[in-house]
N, C-alpha and C. Protein backbone atom coordinates (compact mmCIF):
# COMPACT_ATOMS: atom_id res chain seq x y z
N MET A 1 2.28 -57.98 3.07
CA MET A 1 0.72 -58.12 3.37
C MET A 1 0.07 -59.61 3.34
N ALA A 2 -0.82 -59.80 4.42
CA ALA A 2 -1.81 -61.27 4.39
C ALA A 2 -2.37 -61.16 3.30
N GLU A 3 -2.41 -62.73 2.36
CA GLU A 3 -3.26 -62.69 1.86
C GLU A 3 -4.79 -63.72 1.87
N ARG A 4 -4.89 -63.82 3.18
CA ARG A 4 -5.62 -64.42 3.68
C ARG A 4 -5.86 -64.65 5.09
N VAL A 5 -6.86 -64.26 5.62
CA VAL A 5 -7.62 -64.64 7.40
C VAL A 5 -8.50 -65.56 7.52
N SER A 6 -8.36 -66.24 8.29
CA SER A 6 -9.62 -67.09 8.97
C SER A 6 -9.32 -67.43 10.60
N VAL A 7 -11.00 -67.32 10.99
CA VAL A 7 -10.59 -68.27 12.09
C VAL A 7 -11.49 -69.27 12.33
N ASP A 8 -11.65 -69.85 13.70
CA ASP A 8 -12.09 -71.14 14.21
C ASP A 8 -11.30 -71.08 15.27
N ASP A 9 -12.40 -72.64 15.50
CA ASP A 9 -12.86 -72.90 17.68
C ASP A 9 -10.83 -73.06 17.93
N LEU A 10 -9.79 -73.47 16.90
CA LEU A 10 -8.84 -72.97 17.75
C LEU A 10 -7.73 -71.37 17.77
N GLY A 11 -8.18 -70.95 17.01
CA GLY A 11 -7.98 -69.29 16.90
C GLY A 11 -8.19 -68.70 15.42
N ILE A 12 -6.88 -67.55 15.37
CA ILE A 12 -6.77 -66.70 14.36
C ILE A 12 -5.64 -67.20 13.35
N TRP A 13 -6.22 -67.34 12.32
CA TRP A 13 -4.86 -67.95 11.32
C TRP A 13 -4.56 -67.28 10.06
N ILE A 14 -3.31 -65.82 9.89
CA ILE A 14 -2.91 -65.22 8.91
C ILE A 14 -2.42 -66.02 8.07
N MET A 15 -2.71 -66.27 6.82
CA MET A 15 -1.99 -66.76 5.76
C MET A 15 -1.48 -65.71 4.71
N HIS A 16 0.21 -65.83 4.95
CA HIS A 16 0.94 -64.94 3.79
C HIS A 16 1.44 -66.09 2.83
N PRO A 17 2.20 -65.80 1.70
CA PRO A 17 2.80 -66.17 0.65
C PRO A 17 3.68 -67.48 0.75
N HIS A 18 4.60 -66.97 2.45
CA HIS A 18 5.76 -67.56 2.92
C HIS A 18 4.77 -68.47 3.95
N GLY A 19 4.23 -68.73 4.05
CA GLY A 19 4.05 -69.51 5.75
C GLY A 19 2.79 -68.40 6.33
N THR A 20 2.22 -69.32 7.33
CA THR A 20 0.84 -69.10 8.52
C THR A 20 1.39 -68.28 9.39
N VAL A 21 1.03 -67.48 9.91
CA VAL A 21 1.08 -66.92 11.52
C VAL A 21 -0.12 -67.29 11.95
N GLY A 22 -0.13 -68.22 13.10
CA GLY A 22 -1.87 -68.44 13.93
C GLY A 22 -1.57 -68.19 15.48
N LEU A 23 -2.69 -67.88 15.92
CA LEU A 23 -2.63 -67.38 17.07
C LEU A 23 -3.29 -67.75 17.96
N PRO A 24 -3.02 -68.89 18.74
CA PRO A 24 -4.35 -70.17 19.42
C PRO A 24 -5.45 -68.92 20.79
N TRP A 25 -6.48 -69.16 20.48
CA TRP A 25 -7.23 -68.43 21.23
C TRP A 25 -7.15 -68.40 22.84
N ALA A 26 -5.99 -69.13 23.43
CA ALA A 26 -5.53 -69.42 24.62
C ALA A 26 -4.69 -68.02 24.77
N GLU A 27 -3.89 -68.25 23.72
CA GLU A 27 -2.83 -66.61 24.44
C GLU A 27 -3.14 -65.39 23.53
N VAL A 28 -4.46 -65.02 22.86
CA VAL A 28 -5.40 -64.05 22.14
C VAL A 28 -5.51 -63.07 23.80
N THR A 29 -4.90 -61.92 24.07
CA THR A 29 -5.85 -61.15 25.12
C THR A 29 -6.77 -60.28 24.51
N GLY A 30 -6.73 -59.66 23.32
CA GLY A 30 -7.97 -59.02 22.76
C GLY A 30 -7.75 -58.78 21.48
N VAL A 31 -9.34 -58.40 20.70
CA VAL A 31 -9.16 -58.49 19.30
C VAL A 31 -9.90 -57.21 19.36
N SER A 32 -9.53 -56.30 18.42
CA SER A 32 -10.36 -54.50 18.14
C SER A 32 -10.62 -54.46 17.12
N VAL A 33 -10.96 -53.85 16.65
CA VAL A 33 -11.33 -53.08 15.11
C VAL A 33 -11.39 -51.60 14.77
N TYR A 34 -10.92 -51.42 14.01
CA TYR A 34 -11.08 -49.77 13.74
C TYR A 34 -10.28 -48.75 12.53
N ALA A 35 -10.93 -48.19 12.10
CA ALA A 35 -11.31 -47.35 11.03
C ALA A 35 -10.19 -46.40 10.40
N SER A 36 -9.49 -46.56 9.73
CA SER A 36 -8.37 -45.10 8.86
C SER A 36 -8.91 -44.61 7.85
N VAL A 37 -8.27 -43.78 6.98
CA VAL A 37 -7.95 -42.83 5.90
C VAL A 37 -6.68 -42.76 6.04
N LEU A 38 -6.42 -43.76 4.50
CA LEU A 38 -5.06 -43.03 4.20
C LEU A 38 -4.79 -42.03 2.79
N PRO A 39 -3.74 -41.25 2.92
CA PRO A 39 -3.88 -40.18 2.11
C PRO A 39 -3.22 -41.14 0.63
N PRO A 40 -2.61 -40.44 -0.46
CA PRO A 40 -3.30 -39.11 -0.88
C PRO A 40 -5.17 -38.97 -1.26
N ASP A 41 -5.58 -40.13 -1.25
CA ASP A 41 -7.24 -40.95 -1.95
C ASP A 41 -7.89 -40.82 -0.99
N ASP A 42 -7.43 -40.43 0.42
CA ASP A 42 -8.76 -40.85 1.37
C ASP A 42 -9.01 -42.12 1.08
N GLN A 43 -8.40 -42.94 0.89
CA GLN A 43 -9.11 -44.48 1.30
C GLN A 43 -9.31 -44.97 2.38
N ARG A 44 -10.38 -45.16 2.61
CA ARG A 44 -10.78 -46.00 3.84
C ARG A 44 -10.47 -47.54 3.99
N LEU A 45 -9.96 -47.89 5.09
CA LEU A 45 -9.06 -49.10 5.72
C LEU A 45 -10.57 -49.36 6.81
N VAL A 46 -10.54 -50.76 7.05
CA VAL A 46 -11.25 -51.14 8.46
C VAL A 46 -10.15 -52.49 9.12
N TRP A 47 -9.28 -52.48 9.31
CA TRP A 47 -8.24 -52.69 10.93
C TRP A 47 -8.64 -53.72 11.58
N MET A 48 -8.38 -54.72 11.84
CA MET A 48 -8.76 -55.28 12.76
C MET A 48 -7.25 -56.29 13.35
N ASP A 49 -6.76 -55.73 14.73
CA ASP A 49 -5.88 -55.89 15.45
C ASP A 49 -6.31 -57.26 16.68
N ALA A 50 -5.17 -58.49 16.49
CA ALA A 50 -4.92 -59.23 17.95
C ALA A 50 -3.99 -59.23 18.16
N THR A 51 -4.13 -59.04 19.64
CA THR A 51 -2.98 -58.88 20.86
C THR A 51 -2.84 -60.16 21.33
N HIS A 52 -1.39 -60.80 20.99
CA HIS A 52 -1.02 -62.30 22.14
C HIS A 52 -0.74 -61.71 23.29
N VAL A 53 -0.47 -62.55 23.75
CA VAL A 53 -0.01 -61.81 25.76
C VAL A 53 1.65 -61.87 25.44
N SER A 54 2.36 -62.32 24.73
CA SER A 54 3.54 -61.31 24.76
C SER A 54 3.64 -60.20 24.44
N GLY A 55 2.65 -59.58 23.99
CA GLY A 55 2.68 -57.97 23.60
C GLY A 55 2.62 -57.68 22.54
N GLU A 56 3.20 -59.03 21.51
CA GLU A 56 2.64 -58.69 20.19
C GLU A 56 1.54 -58.84 19.87
N PHE A 57 1.48 -58.33 18.31
CA PHE A 57 0.11 -58.14 17.36
C PHE A 57 0.31 -58.25 16.52
N VAL A 58 -1.13 -58.51 15.93
CA VAL A 58 -1.35 -59.07 14.15
C VAL A 58 -2.14 -57.86 13.82
N GLU A 59 -2.05 -57.23 12.80
CA GLU A 59 -3.21 -55.87 12.08
C GLU A 59 -3.61 -56.54 10.59
N ILE A 60 -4.63 -56.84 10.61
CA ILE A 60 -5.26 -57.28 9.02
C ILE A 60 -6.20 -56.33 8.83
N ASN A 61 -6.55 -56.08 7.30
CA ASN A 61 -7.11 -55.14 6.86
C ASN A 61 -8.77 -55.79 6.02
N ASN A 62 -9.35 -54.94 5.81
CA ASN A 62 -10.27 -55.39 4.93
C ASN A 62 -10.06 -55.65 3.62
N MET A 63 -8.86 -55.31 3.38
CA MET A 63 -8.34 -55.96 1.82
C MET A 63 -7.85 -57.01 1.78
N THR A 64 -8.15 -57.99 2.75
CA THR A 64 -7.62 -58.89 3.20
C THR A 64 -8.36 -60.23 2.75
N GLU A 65 -8.23 -61.49 2.10
CA GLU A 65 -9.74 -62.03 1.63
C GLU A 65 -9.90 -62.76 2.68
N GLY A 66 -11.00 -63.15 3.53
CA GLY A 66 -11.45 -63.26 4.67
C GLY A 66 -11.80 -62.18 5.77
N PHE A 67 -11.76 -60.98 5.58
CA PHE A 67 -11.63 -60.55 6.71
C PHE A 67 -13.12 -60.18 6.97
N ASP A 68 -13.82 -60.06 5.96
CA ASP A 68 -15.17 -60.21 7.22
C ASP A 68 -16.05 -60.96 7.54
N GLU A 69 -15.51 -61.92 7.11
CA GLU A 69 -15.69 -63.55 8.10
C GLU A 69 -14.92 -63.95 8.87
N ALA A 70 -13.76 -63.14 9.02
CA ALA A 70 -12.86 -63.33 10.49
C ALA A 70 -13.32 -62.17 11.57
N VAL A 71 -13.76 -61.39 10.80
CA VAL A 71 -14.02 -60.64 12.04
C VAL A 71 -15.91 -61.20 12.69
N ALA A 72 -16.70 -61.24 11.74
CA ALA A 72 -17.93 -62.10 12.15
C ALA A 72 -17.97 -63.05 13.29
N ALA A 73 -16.79 -63.92 13.13
CA ALA A 73 -16.57 -65.00 13.56
C ALA A 73 -15.74 -64.34 15.20
N VAL A 74 -14.78 -63.67 14.97
CA VAL A 74 -14.88 -63.58 16.34
C VAL A 74 -15.29 -62.77 17.30
N ILE A 75 -16.20 -61.57 16.63
CA ILE A 75 -17.72 -61.11 16.72
C ILE A 75 -18.39 -62.57 18.13
N SER A 76 -18.80 -63.20 17.00
CA SER A 76 -19.30 -64.58 17.47
C SER A 76 -19.02 -64.99 18.61
N ARG A 77 -17.87 -65.12 18.66
CA ARG A 77 -17.15 -65.82 19.81
C ARG A 77 -16.92 -65.40 21.14
N SER A 78 -17.16 -63.87 21.32
CA SER A 78 -17.01 -63.19 22.04
C SER A 78 -18.18 -62.98 22.38
N GLY A 79 -19.44 -63.02 22.32
CA GLY A 79 -21.02 -63.40 22.54
C GLY A 79 -21.44 -62.16 22.03
N ARG A 80 -20.53 -60.90 21.63
CA ARG A 80 -21.07 -59.79 21.06
C ARG A 80 -21.93 -59.46 20.11
N GLY A 81 -23.00 -58.53 20.30
CA GLY A 81 -23.77 -58.04 19.51
C GLY A 81 -23.54 -58.26 18.29
N PRO A 82 -24.12 -57.83 16.46
CA PRO A 82 -23.65 -57.48 15.30
C PRO A 82 -22.29 -56.26 14.98
N LEU A 83 -22.00 -56.13 14.60
CA LEU A 83 -21.20 -55.09 14.29
C LEU A 83 -21.28 -54.59 12.74
N ASP A 84 -21.87 -53.47 12.66
CA ASP A 84 -21.73 -52.87 10.96
C ASP A 84 -20.40 -52.10 10.48
N LEU A 85 -19.42 -52.60 10.16
CA LEU A 85 -18.12 -52.18 9.93
C LEU A 85 -17.81 -50.89 9.46
N SER A 86 -18.89 -50.77 8.35
CA SER A 86 -18.98 -49.88 7.24
C SER A 86 -19.55 -48.62 8.24
N ARG A 87 -20.01 -48.41 8.99
CA ARG A 87 -20.51 -47.47 10.23
C ARG A 87 -19.60 -47.24 10.95
N LEU A 88 -17.97 -47.68 10.85
CA LEU A 88 -17.22 -46.95 12.11
C LEU A 88 -16.19 -46.06 11.17
N GLU A 89 -15.80 -45.06 12.03
CA GLU A 89 -14.86 -43.96 11.53
C GLU A 89 -13.95 -43.78 12.54
N PRO A 90 -12.86 -43.05 11.48
CA PRO A 90 -11.63 -43.35 12.44
C PRO A 90 -11.82 -42.28 13.77
N SER A 91 -12.46 -41.54 13.77
CA SER A 91 -12.67 -40.74 15.26
C SER A 91 -13.32 -41.67 16.45
N ASP A 92 -13.85 -42.74 15.68
CA ASP A 92 -14.23 -43.40 16.98
C ASP A 92 -13.05 -44.13 17.56
N GLY A 93 -11.97 -44.37 17.29
CA GLY A 93 -10.76 -45.33 17.98
C GLY A 93 -11.14 -46.85 17.92
N PRO A 94 -9.90 -47.72 18.90
CA PRO A 94 -10.18 -48.96 18.57
C PRO A 94 -11.91 -48.91 19.13
N VAL A 95 -12.73 -50.80 18.22
CA VAL A 95 -13.82 -50.96 19.18
C VAL A 95 -13.38 -52.44 19.28
N GLU A 96 -13.30 -53.11 20.60
CA GLU A 96 -12.57 -54.01 21.01
C GLU A 96 -14.39 -55.34 21.00
N ILE A 97 -13.79 -55.96 20.17
CA ILE A 97 -14.57 -57.27 19.90
C ILE A 97 -14.29 -58.21 20.40
N TYR A 98 -13.01 -58.42 21.45
CA TYR A 98 -13.25 -59.64 22.05
C TYR A 98 -11.72 -59.52 23.00
N GLY A 99 -12.01 -60.18 24.51
CA GLY A 99 -11.28 -59.75 25.18
C GLY A 99 -11.98 -59.24 26.48
N GLY A 100 -11.19 -58.61 27.12
CA GLY A 100 -11.61 -57.72 28.75
C GLY A 100 -12.75 -57.35 28.77
N HIS A 101 -12.87 -56.30 27.84
CA HIS A 101 -14.41 -55.82 27.84
C HIS A 101 -15.41 -55.51 27.10
N CYS A 102 -14.61 -55.39 25.69
CA CYS A 102 -15.82 -56.05 24.69
C CYS A 102 -16.84 -55.24 24.71
N THR A 103 -15.95 -53.52 24.94
CA THR A 103 -17.07 -52.32 24.83
C THR A 103 -16.96 -50.96 23.97
N ALA A 104 -17.60 -50.43 23.23
CA ALA A 104 -17.10 -49.35 22.50
C ALA A 104 -17.57 -47.77 22.73
N PRO A 105 -16.84 -47.36 22.52
CA PRO A 105 -17.23 -45.47 23.39
C PRO A 105 -18.71 -45.12 23.07
N ASP A 106 -19.08 -44.37 23.69
CA ASP A 106 -20.57 -44.23 23.59
C ASP A 106 -21.05 -42.77 23.33
N HIS A 107 -21.57 -42.97 21.88
CA HIS A 107 -21.79 -42.47 21.36
C HIS A 107 -23.65 -41.77 21.12
N GLY A 108 -23.94 -41.24 22.03
CA GLY A 108 -25.37 -41.17 22.42
C GLY A 108 -26.06 -41.99 22.70
N THR A 109 -27.02 -42.32 21.83
CA THR A 109 -27.75 -43.45 22.10
C THR A 109 -27.12 -44.97 21.10
N SER A 110 -26.14 -44.81 20.52
CA SER A 110 -25.23 -46.00 19.69
C SER A 110 -24.57 -46.21 19.97
N GLU A 111 -23.11 -47.19 19.63
CA GLU A 111 -22.20 -46.90 19.49
C GLU A 111 -21.97 -47.73 18.16
N PRO A 112 -20.37 -47.81 17.87
CA PRO A 112 -19.94 -47.22 16.41
C PRO A 112 -20.48 -48.50 15.92
N GLY A 113 -20.83 -48.49 14.42
CA GLY A 113 -20.87 -49.20 13.68
C GLY A 113 -22.21 -50.16 14.04
N ARG A 114 -23.33 -49.52 15.13
CA ARG A 114 -24.39 -50.29 15.22
C ARG A 114 -25.12 -49.13 14.80
N GLY A 115 -26.57 -49.71 14.19
CA GLY A 115 -27.76 -48.99 14.04
C GLY A 115 -28.59 -48.05 14.86
N ARG A 116 -29.02 -47.19 14.68
CA ARG A 116 -29.90 -46.23 15.53
C ARG A 116 -31.49 -47.05 15.86
């Protein structure tokens, strides 16, 4: 599991105990966030999934140090408005925050994670 994640002008960096994985922006095709609930205690996790041009991807969750700041930095880079991660539900599915479309499913008058 990653111990820390950070985002800067060069890319997304995932630091592990034995090294760092870097995804330069020129090689990132998309970044999405989504929520899941894990049994047996219904632990809620929010995940960020970054996809590389090769088709490989990395996933980190909100238990990783720097997660909220990294998600905010990716959203800021995309030009998208803020997203309230606490409002994401597993039924929302992935919400793209960087890349091709940067859209979220339509749930009436607001997007997942956004205030009404």
